[in-house]
Amino acid sequence: MKTINFSKLALLLLCGSFLLFTSCGKSEIEDMINKEQKQQQEQQEAEKKKKEQEQADAEKKKKEQEQADAEKKKKEQEQADAEKKKKEQEQADAEKKKKEQEQADAEKKKQQEEAEKKKAQEEAEKQKQLEKQKEEQRKKEEAAKKQKEAEEAAKRKQQQEEAARRQKQQQEEAARKKKEQEEAARRKQEELKRKQQQEEAARRQKQQQEEAARRQKQKEAEEAARKKKEQEEAAKKLTLSSSTLTLKPIVTKNVTIGNGVAPYTVVPEDRTKAAVKVYNDKNEFAVTGLNKGKTKIRVTDAKGKTGVVEVTVE
């Protein structure tokens, strides 16, 4: 608990004495003293609450630390248990592996013993078969010897027959070769003749091809010249929108000039049948029918190109 503030109390007493000498009321001094005591009491209670709170916080912190220590101890115990369990498992695995290895070794030894026993049996069987094969081979050799003697006798007889047959074949072969030589000579002669005929035919075919190529080339040249001439003539002609016109008297129709250069000269051969009027700015001319009949209108541009329109007035 906090002690009384004597400096403030002395100040209050001094103030009380001053008020007393200045006709200040007693009740006012008591109020001031009570107020100061109340403030000190509130301050003491606040200090007490603060101390209690600090004590409660310390208790709470202590409990939390104890809980943390317990958790840590529990975790360490669990870790120790896990390590122990791991070691036990490793030991069990080692024991199991050792037992399996012992079983495998025993099985391997058993298999080796069985293999050796089987090998011994196979060796005995093999020896027995070998002796049997030797006996069979001896019998086979005796039979082969007898067979060989019989075959040699038959072979000598066959050789004699073969010699006679070869002699006959040689005679037949000589006759056949002679005939083949004669036939080959005849075929060679025929082949030579056929080759000469083929060469002659090839020569004639080549001449025909060369002649055909020459004619084709000449034809192409003539065609090119003709086309060139037509193009030159076409270049000299004017392209008109109409090459023929049919009109009634006093009826006018226009003709457009497509590829000309103004000014144009437009002249009808028979002025009694049709009249013309030229529009150089429009590259066209008008034809008006006059009297029934036929006539031609000749058109010439500034570069000498010409065109003709046949006009019929009905």
C-alpha atoms as a PDB file:
ATOM      1  CA  MET A   1       0.000   0.000   0.000  1.00  0.00           C
ATOM      2  CA  LYS A   2       1.246   3.449  -0.923  1.00  0.00           C
ATOM      3  CA  THR A   3       2.131   5.886   1.975  1.00  0.00           C
ATOM      4  CA  ILE A   4       0.433   9.264   2.528  1.00  0.00           C
ATOM      5  CA  ASN A   5       1.867  12.146   0.559  1.00  0.00           C
ATOM      6  CA  PHE A   6       3.056  14.414   3.424  1.00  0.00           C
ATOM      7  CA  SER A   7       3.937  17.318   1.159  1.00  0.00           C
ATOM      8  CA  LYS A   8       0.351  17.480  -0.091  1.00  0.00           C
ATOM      9  CA  LEU A   9      -0.961  17.082   3.454  1.00  0.00           C
ATOM     10  CA  ALA A  10       1.262  19.910   4.677  1.00  0.00           C
ATOM     11  CA  LEU A  11       0.020  22.040   1.816  1.00  0.00           C
ATOM     12  CA  LEU A  12      -3.573  21.307   2.796  1.00  0.00           C
ATOM     13  CA  LEU A  13      -2.861  22.179   6.447  1.00  0.00           C
ATOM     14  CA  LEU A  14      -1.181  25.391   5.389  1.00  0.00           C
ATOM     15  CA  CYS A  15      -4.129  26.199   3.170  1.00  0.00           C
ATOM     16  CA  GLY A  16      -6.464  25.357   6.073  1.00  0.00           C
ATOM     17  CA  SER A  17      -4.591  27.684   8.397  1.00  0.00           C
ATOM     18  CA  PHE A  18      -4.689  30.410   5.811  1.00  0.00           C
ATOM     19  CA  LEU A  19      -8.398  29.899   5.273  1.00  0.00           C
ATOM     20  CA  LEU A  20      -8.945  29.843   8.993  1.00  0.00           C
ATOM     21  CA  PHE A  21      -7.259  33.221   9.391  1.00  0.00           C
ATOM     22  CA  THR A  22      -9.161  34.522   6.379  1.00  0.00           C
ATOM     23  CA  SER A  23     -12.535  33.567   7.846  1.00  0.00           C
ATOM     24  CA  CYS A  24     -12.804  30.490   5.520  1.00  0.00           C
ATOM     25  CA  GLY A  25     -15.412  27.941   6.578  1.00  0.00           C
ATOM     26  CA  LYS A  26     -14.457  24.721   8.362  1.00  0.00           C
ATOM     27  CA  SER A  27     -16.596  22.557   6.109  1.00  0.00           C
ATOM     28  CA  GLU A  28     -14.624  23.584   3.024  1.00  0.00           C
ATOM     29  CA  ILE A  29     -11.377  22.500   4.622  1.00  0.00           C
ATOM     30  CA  GLU A  30     -12.871  19.103   5.486  1.00  0.00           C
ATOM     31  CA  ASP A  31     -14.088  18.664   1.940  1.00  0.00           C
ATOM     32  CA  MET A  32     -10.655  19.319   0.600  1.00  0.00           C
ATOM     33  CA  ILE A  33      -9.110  16.834   3.007  1.00  0.00           C
ATOM     34  CA  ASN A  34     -11.734  14.179   2.199  1.00  0.00           C
ATOM     35  CA  LYS A  35     -11.192  14.703  -1.523  1.00  0.00           C
ATOM     36  CA  GLU A  36      -7.443  14.241  -1.172  1.00  0.00           C
ATOM     37  CA  GLN A  37      -7.931  11.099   0.916  1.00  0.00           C
ATOM     38  CA  LYS A  38     -10.367   9.724  -1.663  1.00  0.00           C
ATOM     39  CA  GLN A  39      -7.854  10.294  -4.458  1.00  0.00           C
ATOM     40  CA  GLN A  40      -5.161   8.558  -2.418  1.00  0.00           C
ATOM     41  CA  GLN A  41      -7.532   5.645  -1.739  1.00  0.00           C
ATOM     42  CA  GLU A  42      -8.411   5.288  -5.461  1.00  0.00           C
ATOM     43  CA  GLN A  43      -4.730   5.430  -6.320  1.00  0.00           C
ATOM     44  CA  GLN A  44      -3.990   2.718  -3.753  1.00  0.00           C
ATOM     45  CA  GLU A  45      -6.809   0.515  -5.161  1.00  0.00           C
ATOM     46  CA  ALA A  46      -5.473   1.011  -8.685  1.00  0.00           C
ATOM     47  CA  GLU A  47      -2.009  -0.003  -7.508  1.00  0.00           C
ATOM     48  CA  LYS A  48      -3.518  -3.040  -5.790  1.00  0.00           C
ATOM     49  CA  LYS A  49      -5.418  -4.091  -8.955  1.00  0.00           C
ATOM     50  CA  LYS A  50      -2.273  -3.624 -11.047  1.00  0.00           C
ATOM     51  CA  LYS A  51      -0.294  -5.798  -8.641  1.00  0.00           C
ATOM     52  CA  GLU A  52      -3.036  -8.458  -8.656  1.00  0.00           C
ATOM     53  CA  GLN A  53      -3.089  -8.380 -12.488  1.00  0.00           C
ATOM     54  CA  GLU A  54       0.692  -8.739 -12.619  1.00  0.00           C
ATOM     55  CA  GLN A  55       0.445 -11.657 -10.203  1.00  0.00           C
ATOM     56  CA  ALA A  56      -2.321 -13.247 -12.332  1.00  0.00           C
ATOM     57  CA  ASP A  57      -0.204 -12.757 -15.498  1.00  0.00           C
ATOM     58  CA  ALA A  58       2.760 -14.340 -13.754  1.00  0.00           C
ATOM     59  CA  GLU A  59       0.611 -17.327 -12.723  1.00  0.00           C
ATOM     60  CA  LYS A  60      -0.721 -17.654 -16.278  1.00  0.00           C
ATOM     61  CA  LYS A  61       2.780 -17.464 -17.743  1.00  0.00           C
ATOM     62  CA  LYS A  62       3.952 -20.074 -15.232  1.00  0.00           C
ATOM     63  CA  LYS A  63       1.109 -22.412 -16.215  1.00  0.00           C
ATOM     64  CA  GLU A  64       1.844 -21.886 -19.912  1.00  0.00           C
ATOM     65  CA  GLN A  65       5.540 -22.642 -19.310  1.00  0.00           C
ATOM     66  CA  GLU A  66       4.610 -25.771 -17.351  1.00  0.00           C
ATOM     67  CA  GLN A  67       2.280 -26.826 -20.196  1.00  0.00           C
ATOM     68  CA  ALA A  68       5.031 -26.153 -22.778  1.00  0.00           C
ATOM     69  CA  ASP A  69       7.486 -28.168 -20.673  1.00  0.00           C
ATOM     70  CA  ALA A  70       4.959 -30.988 -20.465  1.00  0.00           C
ATOM     71  CA  GLU A  71       4.429 -30.908 -24.248  1.00  0.00           C
ATOM     72  CA  LYS A  72       8.195 -30.892 -24.806  1.00  0.00           C
ATOM     73  CA  LYS A  73       8.646 -33.795 -22.418  1.00  0.00           C
ATOM     74  CA  LYS A  74       5.811 -35.670 -24.138  1.00  0.00           C
ATOM     75  CA  LYS A  75       7.354 -35.031 -27.544  1.00  0.00           C
ATOM     76  CA  GLU A  76      10.779 -36.168 -26.305  1.00  0.00           C
ATOM     77  CA  GLN A  77       9.165 -39.301 -24.877  1.00  0.00           C
ATOM     78  CA  GLU A  78       7.350 -39.981 -28.166  1.00  0.00           C
ATOM     79  CA  GLN A  79      10.622 -39.481 -30.040  1.00  0.00           C
ATOM     80  CA  ALA A  80      12.396 -41.842 -27.664  1.00  0.00           C
ATOM     81  CA  ASP A  81       9.596 -44.390 -28.112  1.00  0.00           C
ATOM     82  CA  ALA A  82       9.856 -44.010 -31.897  1.00  0.00           C
ATOM     83  CA  GLU A  83      13.638 -44.524 -31.765  1.00  0.00           C
ATOM     84  CA  LYS A  84      13.162 -47.579 -29.592  1.00  0.00           C
ATOM     85  CA  LYS A  85      10.495 -48.949 -31.928  1.00  0.00           C
ATOM     86  CA  LYS A  86      12.746 -48.266 -34.929  1.00  0.00           C
ATOM     87  CA  LYS A  87      15.665 -50.111 -33.316  1.00  0.00           C
ATOM     88  CA  GLU A  88      13.374 -53.018 -32.426  1.00  0.00           C
ATOM     89  CA  GLN A  89      12.080 -53.099 -36.027  1.00  0.00           C
ATOM     90  CA  GLU A  90      15.627 -52.965 -37.419  1.00  0.00           C
ATOM     91  CA  GLN A  91      16.634 -55.794 -35.094  1.00  0.00           C
ATOM     92  CA  ALA A  92      13.563 -57.801 -36.160  1.00  0.00           C
ATOM     93  CA  ASP A  93      14.370 -57.135 -39.835  1.00  0.00           C
ATOM     94  CA  ALA A  94      17.965 -58.220 -39.271  1.00  0.00           C
ATOM     95  CA  GLU A  95      16.782 -61.422 -37.573  1.00  0.00           C
ATOM     96  CA  LYS A  96      14.324 -62.053 -40.409  1.00  0.00           C
ATOM     97  CA  LYS A  97      16.992 -61.409 -43.036  1.00  0.00           C
ATOM     98  CA  LYS A  98      19.423 -63.714 -41.228  1.00  0.00           C
ATOM     99  CA  LYS A  99      16.783 -66.444 -41.036  1.00  0.00           C
ATOM    100  CA  GLU A 100      15.923 -66.017 -44.724  1.00  0.00           C
ATOM    101  CA  GLN A 101      19.647 -66.174 -45.610  1.00  0.00           C
ATOM    102  CA  GLU A 102      20.029 -69.378 -43.588  1.00  0.00           C
ATOM    103  CA  GLN A 103      16.994 -70.862 -45.359  1.00  0.00           C
ATOM    104  CA  ALA A 104      18.406 -69.774 -48.739  1.00  0.00           C
ATOM    105  CA  ASP A 105      21.789 -71.321 -47.903  1.00  0.00           C
ATOM    106  CA  ALA A 106      20.110 -74.543 -46.827  1.00  0.00           C
ATOM    107  CA  GLU A 107      18.012 -74.598 -50.004  1.00  0.00           C
ATOM    108  CA  LYS A 108      21.109 -73.892 -52.107  1.00  0.00           C
ATOM    109  CA  LYS A 109      23.026 -76.696 -50.405  1.00  0.00           C
ATOM    110  CA  LYS A 110      20.093 -79.053 -50.969  1.00  0.00           C
ATOM    111  CA  GLN A 111      19.916 -78.082 -54.642  1.00  0.00           C
ATOM    112  CA  GLN A 112      23.688 -78.602 -55.006  1.00  0.00           C
ATOM    113  CA  GLU A 113      23.426 -82.067 -53.457  1.00  0.00           C
ATOM    114  CA  GLU A 114      20.500 -82.931 -55.742  1.00  0.00           C
ATOM    115  CA  ALA A 115      22.402 -81.562 -58.738  1.00  0.00           C
ATOM    116  CA  GLU A 116      25.483 -83.653 -57.871  1.00  0.00           C
ATOM    117  CA  LYS A 117      23.308 -86.738 -57.447  1.00  0.00           C
ATOM    118  CA  LYS A 118      21.566 -86.053 -60.753  1.00  0.00           C
ATOM    119  CA  LYS A 119      24.925 -85.439 -62.434  1.00  0.00           C
ATOM    120  CA  ALA A 120      26.228 -88.790 -61.162  1.00  0.00           C
ATOM    121  CA  GLN A 121      23.106 -90.526 -62.491  1.00  0.00           C
ATOM    122  CA  GLU A 122      23.487 -88.761 -65.831  1.00  0.00           C
ATOM    123  CA  GLU A 123      27.173 -89.781 -66.018  1.00  0.00           C
ATOM    124  CA  ALA A 124      26.245 -93.402 -65.359  1.00  0.00           C
ATOM    125  CA  GLU A 125      23.469 -93.234 -67.950  1.00  0.00           C
ATOM    126  CA  LYS A 126      25.823 -91.545 -70.384  1.00  0.00           C
ATOM    127  CA  GLN A 127      28.453 -94.277 -69.918  1.00  0.00           C
ATOM    128  CA  LYS A 128      25.807 -96.921 -70.461  1.00  0.00           C
ATOM    129  CA  GLN A 129      24.606 -95.180 -73.635  1.00  0.00           C
ATOM    130  CA  LEU A 130      28.200 -94.825 -74.824  1.00  0.00           C
ATOM    131  CA  GLU A 131      28.829 -98.549 -74.493  1.00  0.00           C
ATOM    132  CA  LYS A 132      25.554 -99.226 -76.281  1.00  0.00           C
ATOM    133  CA  GLN A 133      26.513 -96.821 -79.061  1.00  0.00           C
ATOM    134  CA  LYS A 134      29.920 -98.499 -79.414  1.00  0.00           C
ATOM    135  CA  GLU A 135      28.241-101.875 -79.869  1.00  0.00           C
ATOM    136  CA  GLU A 136      25.793-100.429 -82.369  1.00  0.00           C
ATOM    137  CA  GLN A 137      28.664 -98.704 -84.179  1.00  0.00           C
ATOM    138  CA  ARG A 138      30.582-101.992 -84.441  1.00  0.00           C
ATOM    139  CA  LYS A 139      27.540-103.760 -85.887  1.00  0.00           C
ATOM    140  CA  LYS A 140      26.934-100.805 -88.183  1.00  0.00           C
ATOM    141  CA  GLU A 141      30.541-100.851 -89.407  1.00  0.00           C
ATOM    142  CA  GLU A 142      30.329-104.576 -90.178  1.00  0.00           C
ATOM    143  CA  ALA A 143      27.086-104.057 -92.077  1.00  0.00           C
ATOM    144  CA  ALA A 144      28.602-101.054 -93.854  1.00  0.00           C
ATOM    145  CA  LYS A 145      31.640-103.134 -94.857  1.00  0.00           C
ATOM    146  CA  LYS A 146      29.427-105.794 -96.383  1.00  0.00           C
ATOM    147  CA  GLN A 147      27.302-103.114 -98.021  1.00  0.00           C
ATOM    148  CA  LYS A 148      30.414-101.411 -99.380  1.00  0.00           C
ATOM    149  CA  GLU A 149      31.674-104.630-100.937  1.00  0.00           C
ATOM    150  CA  ALA A 150      28.289-105.185-102.573  1.00  0.00           C
ATOM    151  CA  GLU A 151      28.173-101.579-103.730  1.00  0.00           C
ATOM    152  CA  GLU A 152      31.703-101.783-105.180  1.00  0.00           C
ATOM    153  CA  ALA A 153      30.716-104.828-107.216  1.00  0.00           C
ATOM    154  CA  ALA A 154      27.580-103.068-108.400  1.00  0.00           C
ATOM    155  CA  LYS A 155      29.617 -99.924-109.044  1.00  0.00           C
ATOM    156  CA  ARG A 156      32.101-101.767-111.252  1.00  0.00           C
ATOM    157  CA  LYS A 157      29.223-103.159-113.252  1.00  0.00           C
ATOM    158  CA  GLN A 158      27.606 -99.723-113.387  1.00  0.00           C
ATOM    159  CA  GLN A 159      30.899 -98.137-114.481  1.00  0.00           C
ATOM    160  CA  GLN A 160      31.132-100.546-117.361  1.00  0.00           C
ATOM    161  CA  GLU A 161      27.558 -99.759-118.363  1.00  0.00           C
ATOM    162  CA  GLU A 162      28.248 -96.040-117.831  1.00  0.00           C
ATOM    163  CA  ALA A 163      31.319 -96.181-120.079  1.00  0.00           C
ATOM    164  CA  ALA A 164      29.257 -97.735-122.830  1.00  0.00           C
ATOM    165  CA  ARG A 165      26.520 -95.188-122.287  1.00  0.00           C
ATOM    166  CA  ARG A 166      29.003 -92.279-122.322  1.00  0.00           C
ATOM    167  CA  GLN A 167      30.519 -93.512-125.549  1.00  0.00           C
ATOM    168  CA  LYS A 168      27.075 -93.598-127.092  1.00  0.00           C
ATOM    169  CA  GLN A 169      26.305 -90.154-125.637  1.00  0.00           C
ATOM    170  CA  GLN A 170      29.565 -88.766-127.017  1.00  0.00           C
ATOM    171  CA  GLN A 171      28.635 -89.990-130.445  1.00  0.00           C
ATOM    172  CA  GLU A 172      25.151 -88.512-130.089  1.00  0.00           C
ATOM    173  CA  GLU A 173      26.660 -85.297-128.631  1.00  0.00           C
ATOM    174  CA  ALA A 174      29.022 -84.964-131.579  1.00  0.00           C
ATOM    175  CA  ALA A 175      26.113 -85.364-133.980  1.00  0.00           C
ATOM    176  CA  ARG A 176      24.056 -82.895-131.929  1.00  0.00           C
ATOM    177  CA  LYS A 177      26.872 -80.316-131.830  1.00  0.00           C
ATOM    178  CA  LYS A 178      27.334 -80.592-135.570  1.00  0.00           C
ATOM    179  CA  LYS A 179      23.631 -80.046-136.053  1.00  0.00           C
ATOM    180  CA  GLU A 180      23.674 -77.131-133.565  1.00  0.00           C
ATOM    181  CA  GLN A 181      26.629 -75.542-135.368  1.00  0.00           C
ATOM    182  CA  GLU A 182      24.775 -75.794-138.646  1.00  0.00           C
ATOM    183  CA  GLU A 183      21.651 -74.397-136.977  1.00  0.00           C
ATOM    184  CA  ALA A 184      23.704 -71.618-135.337  1.00  0.00           C
ATOM    185  CA  ALA A 185      25.239 -70.680-138.660  1.00  0.00           C
ATOM    186  CA  ARG A 186      21.775 -70.570-140.208  1.00  0.00           C
ATOM    187  CA  ARG A 187      20.414 -68.482-137.306  1.00  0.00           C
ATOM    188  CA  LYS A 188      23.429 -66.171-137.499  1.00  0.00           C
ATOM    189  CA  GLN A 189      22.790 -65.642-141.181  1.00  0.00           C
ATOM    190  CA  GLU A 190      19.117 -64.979-140.515  1.00  0.00           C
ATOM    191  CA  GLU A 191      20.020 -62.672-137.588  1.00  0.00           C
ATOM    192  CA  LEU A 192      22.434 -60.741-139.810  1.00  0.00           C
ATOM    193  CA  LYS A 193      19.740 -60.414-142.457  1.00  0.00           C
ATOM    194  CA  ARG A 194      17.146 -59.370-139.844  1.00  0.00           C
ATOM    195  CA  LYS A 195      19.604 -56.864-138.369  1.00  0.00           C
ATOM    196  CA  GLN A 196      20.207 -55.359-141.807  1.00  0.00           C
ATOM    197  CA  GLN A 197      16.438 -55.153-142.319  1.00  0.00           C
ATOM    198  CA  GLN A 198      16.022 -53.494-138.895  1.00  0.00           C
ATOM    199  CA  GLU A 199      18.798 -51.014-139.669  1.00  0.00           C
ATOM    200  CA  GLU A 200      17.177 -50.246-143.011  1.00  0.00           C
ATOM    201  CA  ALA A 201      13.789 -49.838-141.325  1.00  0.00           C
ATOM    202  CA  ALA A 202      15.360 -47.629-138.636  1.00  0.00           C
ATOM    203  CA  ARG A 203      17.067 -45.548-141.323  1.00  0.00           C
ATOM    204  CA  ARG A 204      13.778 -45.141-143.205  1.00  0.00           C
ATOM    205  CA  GLN A 205      11.957 -44.338-139.945  1.00  0.00           C
ATOM    206  CA  LYS A 206      14.618 -41.761-139.063  1.00  0.00           C
ATOM    207  CA  GLN A 207      14.286 -40.205-142.529  1.00  0.00           C
ATOM    208  CA  GLN A 208      10.506 -40.152-142.127  1.00  0.00           C
ATOM    209  CA  GLN A 209      10.823 -38.580-138.661  1.00  0.00           C
ATOM    210  CA  GLU A 210      13.289 -35.999-139.943  1.00  0.00           C
ATOM    211  CA  GLU A 211      10.986 -35.252-142.887  1.00  0.00           C
ATOM    212  CA  ALA A 212       7.984 -35.008-140.542  1.00  0.00           C
ATOM    213  CA  ALA A 213       9.973 -32.743-138.200  1.00  0.00           C
ATOM    214  CA  ARG A 214      11.051 -30.596-141.155  1.00  0.00           C
ATOM    215  CA  ARG A 215       7.446 -30.353-142.373  1.00  0.00           C
ATOM    216  CA  GLN A 216       6.233 -29.611-138.825  1.00  0.00           C
ATOM    217  CA  LYS A 217       8.902 -26.950-138.429  1.00  0.00           C
ATOM    218  CA  GLN A 218       7.998 -25.474-141.809  1.00  0.00           C
ATOM    219  CA  LYS A 219       4.311 -25.587-140.888  1.00  0.00           C
ATOM    220  CA  GLU A 220       5.021 -23.884-137.544  1.00  0.00           C
ATOM    221  CA  ALA A 221       7.110 -21.242-139.309  1.00  0.00           C
ATOM    222  CA  GLU A 222       4.328 -20.648-141.850  1.00  0.00           C
ATOM    223  CA  GLU A 223       1.763 -20.511-139.036  1.00  0.00           C
ATOM    224  CA  ALA A 224       3.936 -18.063-137.096  1.00  0.00           C
ATOM    225  CA  ALA A 225       4.358 -15.925-140.201  1.00  0.00           C
ATOM    226  CA  ARG A 226       0.607 -16.050-140.814  1.00  0.00           C
ATOM    227  CA  LYS A 227      -0.149 -15.055-137.223  1.00  0.00           C
ATOM    228  CA  LYS A 228       2.446 -12.312-137.408  1.00  0.00           C
ATOM    229  CA  LYS A 229       0.904 -11.033-140.626  1.00  0.00           C
ATOM    230  CA  GLU A 230      -2.574 -11.187-139.082  1.00  0.00           C
ATOM    231  CA  GLN A 231      -1.293  -9.336-136.030  1.00  0.00           C
ATOM    232  CA  GLU A 232       0.348  -6.710-138.234  1.00  0.00           C
ATOM    233  CA  GLU A 233      -2.836  -6.377-140.272  1.00  0.00           C
ATOM    234  CA  ALA A 234      -4.895  -6.283-137.067  1.00  0.00           C
ATOM    235  CA  ALA A 235      -2.560  -3.620-135.739  1.00  0.00           C
ATOM    236  CA  LYS A 236      -3.308  -1.594-138.868  1.00  0.00           C
ATOM    237  CA  LYS A 237      -7.067  -2.028-138.440  1.00  0.00           C
ATOM    238  CA  LEU A 238      -9.330  -0.038-136.201  1.00  0.00           C
ATOM    239  CA  THR A 239     -11.523  -1.771-133.663  1.00  0.00           C
ATOM    240  CA  LEU A 240     -15.101  -0.616-134.259  1.00  0.00           C
ATOM    241  CA  SER A 241     -18.075  -1.270-132.015  1.00  0.00           C
ATOM    242  CA  SER A 242     -20.059  -2.403-135.101  1.00  0.00           C
ATOM    243  CA  SER A 243     -18.786  -3.708-138.419  1.00  0.00           C
ATOM    244  CA  THR A 244     -22.317  -3.743-139.943  1.00  0.00           C
ATOM    245  CA  LEU A 245     -25.247  -1.359-139.550  1.00  0.00           C
ATOM    246  CA  THR A 246     -28.860  -1.682-140.660  1.00  0.00           C
ATOM    247  CA  LEU A 247     -30.715   1.656-140.735  1.00  0.00           C
ATOM    248  CA  LYS A 248     -33.978   3.190-141.719  1.00  0.00           C
ATOM    249  CA  PRO A 249     -33.923   6.472-143.624  1.00  0.00           C
ATOM    250  CA  ILE A 250     -33.425   9.461-141.299  1.00  0.00           C
ATOM    251  CA  VAL A 251     -32.306   7.096-138.477  1.00  0.00           C
ATOM    252  CA  THR A 252     -28.904   7.672-136.862  1.00  0.00           C
ATOM    253  CA  LYS A 253     -26.658   5.187-135.064  1.00  0.00           C
ATOM    254  CA  ASN A 254     -23.283   5.798-133.398  1.00  0.00           C
ATOM    255  CA  VAL A 255     -20.149   3.695-133.905  1.00  0.00           C
ATOM    256  CA  THR A 256     -17.347   3.780-131.285  1.00  0.00           C
ATOM    257  CA  ILE A 257     -13.678   3.557-132.295  1.00  0.00           C
ATOM    258  CA  GLY A 258     -11.789   1.439-129.734  1.00  0.00           C
ATOM    259  CA  ASN A 259      -8.095   1.718-130.633  1.00  0.00           C
ATOM    260  CA  GLY A 260      -7.789   4.798-132.817  1.00  0.00           C
ATOM    261  CA  VAL A 261      -6.048   8.162-132.488  1.00  0.00           C
ATOM    262  CA  ALA A 262      -8.006  11.321-133.344  1.00  0.00           C
ATOM    263  CA  PRO A 263      -8.556  13.092-135.637  1.00  0.00           C
ATOM    264  CA  TYR A 264     -10.481  10.607-137.771  1.00  0.00           C
ATOM    265  CA  THR A 265     -11.422  10.648-141.451  1.00  0.00           C
ATOM    266  CA  VAL A 266     -14.786   8.974-142.043  1.00  0.00           C
ATOM    267  CA  VAL A 267     -15.945   8.745-145.688  1.00  0.00           C
ATOM    268  CA  PRO A 268     -18.966   6.865-147.124  1.00  0.00           C
ATOM    269  CA  GLU A 269     -18.423   5.319-150.576  1.00  0.00           C
ATOM    270  CA  ASP A 270     -21.937   6.328-151.640  1.00  0.00           C
ATOM    271  CA  ARG A 271     -22.947   9.614-150.081  1.00  0.00           C
ATOM    272  CA  THR A 272     -26.506   9.196-151.354  1.00  0.00           C
ATOM    273  CA  LYS A 273     -27.087   6.212-149.097  1.00  0.00           C
ATOM    274  CA  ALA A 274     -25.655   7.496-145.795  1.00  0.00           C
ATOM    275  CA  ALA A 275     -24.245  10.602-144.140  1.00  0.00           C
ATOM    276  CA  VAL A 276     -21.636  10.696-141.340  1.00  0.00           C
ATOM    277  CA  LYS A 277     -20.622  13.032-138.540  1.00  0.00           C
ATOM    278  CA  VAL A 278     -17.352  12.609-136.610  1.00  0.00           C
ATOM    279  CA  TYR A 279     -16.887  13.226-132.846  1.00  0.00           C
ATOM    280  CA  ASN A 280     -13.122  13.239-132.384  1.00  0.00           C
ATOM    281  CA  ASP A 281     -13.305  14.058-128.666  1.00  0.00           C
ATOM    282  CA  LYS A 282     -15.458  10.974-128.051  1.00  0.00           C
ATOM    283  CA  ASN A 283     -13.663   8.608-130.476  1.00  0.00           C
ATOM    284  CA  GLU A 284     -16.900   7.897-132.324  1.00  0.00           C
ATOM    285  CA  PHE A 285     -18.920   8.869-135.371  1.00  0.00           C
ATOM    286  CA  ALA A 286     -22.622   8.933-136.245  1.00  0.00           C
ATOM    287  CA  VAL A 287     -24.159   7.314-139.368  1.00  0.00           C
ATOM    288  CA  THR A 288     -27.520   8.534-140.672  1.00  0.00           C
ATOM    289  CA  GLY A 289     -29.511   6.578-143.258  1.00  0.00           C
ATOM    290  CA  LEU A 290     -30.574   8.526-146.390  1.00  0.00           C
ATOM    291  CA  ASN A 291     -31.793   6.356-149.234  1.00  0.00           C
ATOM    292  CA  LYS A 292     -32.374   2.623-149.413  1.00  0.00           C
ATOM    293  CA  GLY A 293     -29.422   0.571-150.515  1.00  0.00           C
ATOM    294  CA  LYS A 294     -25.968  -0.561-149.381  1.00  0.00           C
ATOM    295  CA  THR A 295     -22.687   1.246-149.004  1.00  0.00           C
ATOM    296  CA  LYS A 296     -19.404   1.078-147.103  1.00  0.00           C
ATOM    297  CA  ILE A 297     -17.977   3.674-144.758  1.00  0.00           C
ATOM    298  CA  ARG A 298     -14.176   3.794-144.526  1.00  0.00           C
ATOM    299  CA  VAL A 299     -12.586   5.095-141.304  1.00  0.00           C
ATOM    300  CA  THR A 300      -8.941   6.233-140.999  1.00  0.00           C
ATOM    301  CA  ASP A 301      -7.244   7.558-137.837  1.00  0.00           C
ATOM    302  CA  ALA A 302      -4.273   9.921-137.430  1.00  0.00           C
ATOM    303  CA  LYS A 303      -1.763   6.999-137.599  1.00  0.00           C
ATOM    304  CA  GLY A 304      -3.189   5.433-140.735  1.00  0.00           C
ATOM    305  CA  LYS A 305      -5.187   2.618-139.172  1.00  0.00           C
ATOM    306  CA  THR A 306      -8.306   1.802-141.161  1.00  0.00           C
ATOM    307  CA  GLY A 307     -11.667   0.205-140.600  1.00  0.00           C
ATOM    308  CA  VAL A 308     -14.820  -0.476-142.628  1.00  0.00           C
ATOM    309  CA  VAL A 309     -18.489  -0.444-141.652  1.00  0.00           C
ATOM    310  CA  GLU A 310     -21.001  -2.018-144.045  1.00  0.00           C
ATOM    311  CA  VAL A 311     -24.260  -0.054-143.994  1.00  0.00           C
ATOM    312  CA  THR A 312     -27.662  -1.255-145.212  1.00  0.00           C
ATOM    313  CA  VAL A 313     -30.505   1.260-145.473  1.00  0.00           C
ATOM    314  CA  GLU A 314     -33.912  -0.433-145.671  1.00  0.00           C
END
